[in-house]
Structure formats: structure tokens, C-alpha cells
């Protein structure tokens, strides 16, 4: 049942507001998806940083050991 509103180029004003409402909901859902993806990206960054720091620390320790061994051979 269509409410008895005046006709416009959109059909009725009711149909226009229903369409507008659907468009607003669509963009709010898109915005929610974007926020969830950005949150996941942020979480992934915080998960990777400690792993990369550990990896970097291991590399530095191995390089330090290699330098110490190289210094022993020189002396």
C-alpha cells in the first residue's frame, strides 16, 4: 500500500525517503566494513612488530657473534 502523498519525479515522497534510507544504510554498512578492515590491519601491525623485533634482535646477536669471531682470528 502506497501512502497518499503527492507525486514527484521520484514517484511518491514516501518512495523517495525509502530509497534515501536504503542508500544511507548501504553506506553505513560499507563504512562499518572499512572500519573493521582498518582495525584488523592495526591488529596485524601490532602482532608483526614484536615478531620483527625478535627477528632483528636475533640477527644483531648473530652478527655480534660473527664480529667477535672475526676479531679473534685477526688477533
Protein backbone atom coordinates (compact mmCIF):
# COMPACT_ATOMS: atom_id res chain seq x y z
CA UNK A 1 0.00 0.00 0.00
CA UNK A 2 1.42 3.36 -1.04
CA UNK A 3 0.57 6.28 1.24
CA UNK A 4 -1.43 9.01 -0.49
CA UNK A 5 1.37 11.56 -0.86
CA UNK A 6 1.75 13.94 -3.75
CA UNK A 7 3.55 12.72 -6.84
CA UNK A 8 7.04 13.96 -7.62
CA UNK A 9 9.58 12.92 -10.24
CA UNK A 10 10.74 10.22 -7.76
CA UNK A 11 7.29 8.62 -7.62
CA UNK A 12 5.90 9.45 -4.23
CA UNK A 13 7.75 11.28 -1.50
CA UNK A 14 7.45 8.09 0.55
CA UNK A 15 9.34 6.08 -2.07
CA UNK A 16 11.99 8.79 -2.22
CA UNK A 17 12.58 8.62 1.54
CA UNK A 18 12.61 4.81 1.49
CA UNK A 19 15.27 4.93 -1.24
CA UNK A 20 17.23 7.54 0.69
CA UNK A 21 17.00 5.38 3.81
CA UNK A 22 18.30 2.34 1.91
CA UNK A 23 21.20 4.34 0.46
CA UNK A 24 22.16 5.62 3.92
CA UNK A 25 22.08 2.07 5.29
CA UNK A 26 24.21 0.83 2.41
CA UNK A 27 26.90 3.44 3.04
CA UNK A 28 26.83 2.83 6.80
CA UNK A 29 27.43 -0.88 6.16
CA UNK A 30 30.29 -0.02 3.79
CA UNK A 31 31.72 2.30 6.46
CA UNK A 32 31.46 -0.48 9.07
CA UNK A 33 33.30 -2.91 6.79
CA UNK A 34 36.06 -0.33 6.21
CA UNK A 35 36.40 0.25 9.96
CA UNK A 36 36.64 -3.50 10.65
CA UNK A 37 39.30 -3.91 7.96
CA UNK A 38 41.33 -1.00 9.31
CA UNK A 39 41.08 -2.44 12.83
CA UNK A 40 42.32 -5.80 11.54
CA UNK A 41 45.18 -4.04 9.79
CA UNK A 42 46.11 -2.26 13.02
CA UNK A 43 45.96 -5.52 14.99
CA UNK A 44 48.15 -7.21 12.39
CA UNK A 45 50.70 -4.41 12.70
CA UNK A 46 50.90 -4.89 16.48
CA UNK A 47 51.22 -8.65 16.04
CA UNK A 48 54.03 -8.32 13.49
CA UNK A 49 56.11 -5.70 15.32
CA UNK A 50 57.19 -7.95 18.25
CA UNK A 51 57.95 -10.76 15.79
CA UNK A 52 60.05 -8.43 13.65
CA UNK A 53 61.83 -7.05 16.73
CA UNK A 54 62.72 -10.58 17.85
CA UNK A 55 63.96 -11.39 14.36
CA UNK A 56 66.00 -8.19 14.26
CA UNK A 57 67.46 -8.92 17.71
CA UNK A 58 68.47 -12.44 16.60
CA UNK A 59 70.17 -11.02 13.52
CA UNK A 60 72.06 -8.47 15.64
CA UNK A 61 73.18 -11.18 18.09
CA UNK A 62 74.41 -13.43 15.27
CA UNK A 63 76.22 -10.50 13.67
CA UNK A 64 77.81 -9.63 17.03
CA UNK A 65 79.00 -13.24 17.44
CA UNK A 66 80.40 -13.28 13.90
CA UNK A 67 82.22 -10.00 14.53
CA UNK A 68 83.66 -11.35 17.77
CA UNK A 69 84.89 -14.48 15.97
CA UNK A 70 86.36 -12.36 13.21
CA UNK A 71 88.19 -10.22 15.77
CA UNK A 72 89.62 -13.36 17.39
CA UNK A 73 91.05 -14.53 14.09
CA UNK A 74 92.63 -11.14 13.42
CA UNK A 75 94.31 -11.06 16.83
